[in-house]
Amino acid sequence: MGGSTGMTIEIRELVIEARVVSESPAPCHPTTTLPMLSEQEWVEQVARRALELLNEQREQL
């Protein structure tokens, strides 16, 4: 059960981060040289990562 709690917390952190970014009035400027993602691309990456975590959790059960 400890692993599932960790993944649940990580998914919640991703959701909170997504909300902060989507509700931010000013566009975020990256501090790295990586290209800036559109909001839709970023949300898709977050959703993909959340699904990966859920699949990992399911495999561990």
C-alpha atoms as a PDB file:
ATOM      1  CA  MET A   1       0.000   0.000   0.000  1.00  0.00           C
ATOM      2  CA  GLY A   2       2.920   2.372   0.604  1.00  0.00           C
ATOM      3  CA  GLY A   3       3.726   2.537  -3.118  1.00  0.00           C
ATOM      4  CA  SER A   4       0.187   3.450  -4.060  1.00  0.00           C
ATOM      5  CA  THR A   5       0.186   6.293  -1.542  1.00  0.00           C
ATOM      6  CA  GLY A   6       3.375   7.688  -3.082  1.00  0.00           C
ATOM      7  CA  MET A   7       1.903   7.534  -6.578  1.00  0.00           C
ATOM      8  CA  THR A   8      -1.340   9.124  -5.389  1.00  0.00           C
ATOM      9  CA  ILE A   9       0.630  11.994  -3.891  1.00  0.00           C
ATOM     10  CA  GLU A  10       2.653  12.408  -7.108  1.00  0.00           C
ATOM     11  CA  ILE A  11      -0.538  12.491  -9.197  1.00  0.00           C
ATOM     12  CA  ARG A  12      -2.047  15.092  -6.850  1.00  0.00           C
ATOM     13  CA  GLU A  13       1.120  17.187  -7.177  1.00  0.00           C
ATOM     14  CA  LEU A  14       0.838  17.016 -10.978  1.00  0.00           C
ATOM     15  CA  VAL A  15      -2.797  18.123 -10.811  1.00  0.00           C
ATOM     16  CA  ILE A  16      -1.966  20.999  -8.458  1.00  0.00           C
ATOM     17  CA  GLU A  17       0.891  22.073 -10.729  1.00  0.00           C
ATOM     18  CA  ALA A  18      -1.446  21.944 -13.735  1.00  0.00           C
ATOM     19  CA  ARG A  19      -3.955  24.160 -11.937  1.00  0.00           C
ATOM     20  CA  VAL A  20      -1.288  26.680 -10.959  1.00  0.00           C
ATOM     21  CA  VAL A  21      -0.005  26.896 -14.528  1.00  0.00           C
ATOM     22  CA  SER A  22      -3.466  27.107 -16.095  1.00  0.00           C
ATOM     23  CA  GLU A  23      -4.629  29.791 -13.636  1.00  0.00           C
ATOM     24  CA  SER A  24      -1.447  31.851 -13.931  1.00  0.00           C
ATOM     25  CA  PRO A  25      -2.289  35.275 -15.429  1.00  0.00           C
ATOM     26  CA  ALA A  26       1.113  35.702 -17.075  1.00  0.00           C
ATOM     27  CA  PRO A  27       2.780  33.203 -19.387  1.00  0.00           C
ATOM     28  CA  CYS A  28       5.474  31.168 -17.709  1.00  0.00           C
ATOM     29  CA  HIS A  29       8.984  31.720 -18.970  1.00  0.00           C
ATOM     30  CA  PRO A  30      11.188  28.654 -18.737  1.00  0.00           C
ATOM     31  CA  THR A  31      14.496  28.983 -16.929  1.00  0.00           C
ATOM     32  CA  THR A  32      16.088  26.440 -19.255  1.00  0.00           C
ATOM     33  CA  THR A  33      16.753  26.430 -22.969  1.00  0.00           C
ATOM     34  CA  LEU A  34      13.967  23.917 -23.541  1.00  0.00           C
ATOM     35  CA  PRO A  35      11.243  25.102 -25.910  1.00  0.00           C
ATOM     36  CA  MET A  36       8.062  26.313 -24.245  1.00  0.00           C
ATOM     37  CA  LEU A  37       5.135  23.923 -24.563  1.00  0.00           C
ATOM     38  CA  SER A  38       1.669  25.080 -25.385  1.00  0.00           C
ATOM     39  CA  GLU A  39      -0.827  24.650 -22.568  1.00  0.00           C
ATOM     40  CA  GLN A  40      -2.517  21.801 -24.427  1.00  0.00           C
ATOM     41  CA  GLU A  41       0.792  19.951 -24.930  1.00  0.00           C
ATOM     42  CA  TRP A  42       1.677  20.431 -21.276  1.00  0.00           C
ATOM     43  CA  VAL A  43      -1.700  19.126 -20.087  1.00  0.00           C
ATOM     44  CA  GLU A  44      -1.315  16.113 -22.388  1.00  0.00           C
ATOM     45  CA  GLN A  45       2.109  15.378 -20.880  1.00  0.00           C
ATOM     46  CA  VAL A  46       0.729  15.618 -17.350  1.00  0.00           C
ATOM     47  CA  ALA A  47      -2.193  13.343 -18.236  1.00  0.00           C
ATOM     48  CA  ARG A  48       0.150  10.849 -19.901  1.00  0.00           C
ATOM     49  CA  ARG A  49       2.403  10.782 -16.823  1.00  0.00           C
ATOM     50  CA  ALA A  50      -0.592  10.293 -14.520  1.00  0.00           C
ATOM     51  CA  LEU A  51      -1.774   7.352 -16.639  1.00  0.00           C
ATOM     52  CA  GLU A  52       1.723   5.844 -16.558  1.00  0.00           C
ATOM     53  CA  LEU A  53       1.736   6.066 -12.763  1.00  0.00           C
ATOM     54  CA  LEU A  54      -1.696   4.455 -12.534  1.00  0.00           C
ATOM     55  CA  ASN A  55      -0.610   1.619 -14.837  1.00  0.00           C
ATOM     56  CA  GLU A  56       2.536   1.063 -12.746  1.00  0.00           C
ATOM     57  CA  GLN A  57       0.391   0.970  -9.618  1.00  0.00           C
ATOM     58  CA  ARG A  58      -2.000  -1.543 -11.205  1.00  0.00           C
ATOM     59  CA  GLU A  59       0.910  -3.803 -12.217  1.00  0.00           C
ATOM     60  CA  GLN A  60       2.233  -3.803  -8.645  1.00  0.00           C
ATOM     61  CA  LEU A  61      -1.081  -5.023  -7.193  1.00  0.00           C
END
